[in-house]
Amino acid sequence: MTIQIAVKVPDDLLGEVDRLVEQGAFESRSQAIRSGLESVVANRRRGELDRRYRDAFARVPETEAELSDAARQATEAIREEPWERWW
């Protein structure tokens, strides 16, 4: 289901939207506005997930043993990589 809403937009912003529509980036003003709103919502969701992830790590940080093991595994992975000589 979709609902039509009225939105006031400054002339210069509407001009930019119209330019994008003329260039073929969007089929219509409505599609451009919808796309913009979807981007804002998606960015907010990602930001919230980032905050939750950060907060979880702050509550339960890695131990020294976990950090040491991660560094060891990274070093081993790099050492085992079949590097090509570029010089």
Protein backbone atom coordinates (compact mmCIF):
# COMPACT_ATOMS: atom_id res chain seq x y z
CA MET A 1 0.00 0.00 0.00
CA THR A 2 1.26 3.48 -0.75
CA ILE A 3 0.10 6.78 0.69
CA GLN A 4 0.38 10.09 -1.08
CA ILE A 5 1.80 12.95 1.02
CA ALA A 6 2.41 16.60 0.32
CA VAL A 7 5.97 17.83 0.85
CA LYS A 8 7.26 21.38 0.60
CA VAL A 9 10.65 21.54 -1.09
CA PRO A 10 12.83 24.63 -1.67
CA ASP A 11 13.05 25.73 -5.31
CA ASP A 12 16.76 25.03 -5.60
CA LEU A 13 16.39 21.48 -4.26
CA LEU A 14 13.47 20.79 -6.58
CA GLY A 15 15.59 22.11 -9.45
CA GLU A 16 18.27 19.56 -8.56
CA VAL A 17 15.68 16.78 -8.42
CA ASP A 18 14.28 17.85 -11.80
CA ARG A 19 17.80 17.86 -13.23
CA LEU A 20 18.33 14.30 -12.02
CA VAL A 21 15.04 13.25 -13.60
CA GLU A 22 16.00 14.95 -16.87
CA GLN A 23 19.36 13.14 -16.83
CA GLY A 24 17.56 9.83 -16.42
CA ALA A 25 18.73 9.09 -12.90
CA PHE A 26 15.09 8.72 -11.88
CA GLU A 27 11.87 8.18 -13.80
CA SER A 28 10.01 10.89 -11.89
CA ARG A 29 10.16 13.34 -9.04
CA SER A 30 8.26 10.84 -6.92
CA GLN A 31 10.83 8.12 -7.56
CA ALA A 32 13.66 10.51 -6.70
CA ILE A 33 12.01 11.58 -3.44
CA ARG A 34 11.20 7.97 -2.55
CA SER A 35 14.80 6.95 -3.25
CA GLY A 36 16.08 9.76 -1.04
CA LEU A 37 13.80 8.75 1.81
CA GLU A 38 14.84 5.10 1.46
CA SER A 39 18.49 6.16 1.66
CA VAL A 40 17.89 8.22 4.80
CA VAL A 41 16.05 5.34 6.48
CA ALA A 42 18.74 2.81 5.46
CA ASN A 43 21.53 5.09 6.74
CA ARG A 44 19.73 5.51 10.06
CA ARG A 45 19.30 1.75 10.38
CA ARG A 46 23.00 1.18 9.65
CA GLY A 47 23.90 3.83 12.21
CA GLU A 48 21.74 2.13 14.81
CA LEU A 49 23.32 -1.25 14.07
CA ASP A 50 26.77 0.35 14.31
CA ARG A 51 25.88 1.83 17.72
CA ARG A 52 24.54 -1.50 18.97
CA TYR A 53 27.66 -3.31 17.75
CA ARG A 54 29.93 -0.73 19.39
CA ASP A 55 27.97 -0.88 22.65
CA ALA A 56 28.12 -4.68 22.72
CA PHE A 57 31.89 -4.59 22.29
CA ALA A 58 32.12 -1.99 25.06
CA ARG A 59 30.14 -4.27 27.37
CA VAL A 60 32.13 -7.40 26.49
CA PRO A 61 35.53 -6.38 25.12
CA GLU A 62 37.99 -8.87 23.68
CA THR A 63 40.37 -10.44 26.11
CA GLU A 64 44.14 -10.14 25.72
CA ALA A 65 44.20 -13.82 24.73
CA GLU A 66 41.61 -13.23 21.97
CA LEU A 67 43.53 -10.22 20.63
CA SER A 68 46.79 -12.13 20.70
CA ASP A 69 45.23 -15.10 18.90
CA ALA A 70 43.72 -12.81 16.25
CA ALA A 71 47.11 -11.17 15.64
CA ARG A 72 48.77 -14.59 15.38
CA GLN A 73 46.17 -15.83 12.88
CA ALA A 74 46.50 -12.68 10.77
CA THR A 75 50.28 -13.01 10.71
CA GLU A 76 50.04 -16.67 9.68
CA ALA A 77 47.52 -15.87 6.93
CA ILE A 78 49.82 -13.20 5.51
CA ARG A 79 52.83 -15.49 5.71
CA GLU A 80 50.95 -18.27 3.86
CA GLU A 81 49.75 -15.95 1.09
CA PRO A 82 51.39 -16.75 -2.27
CA TRP A 83 52.75 -13.24 -2.86
CA GLU A 84 53.98 -12.42 -6.34
CA ARG A 85 57.17 -10.47 -6.62
CA TRP A 86 56.52 -7.05 -8.08
CA TRP A 87 60.09 -5.80 -8.03
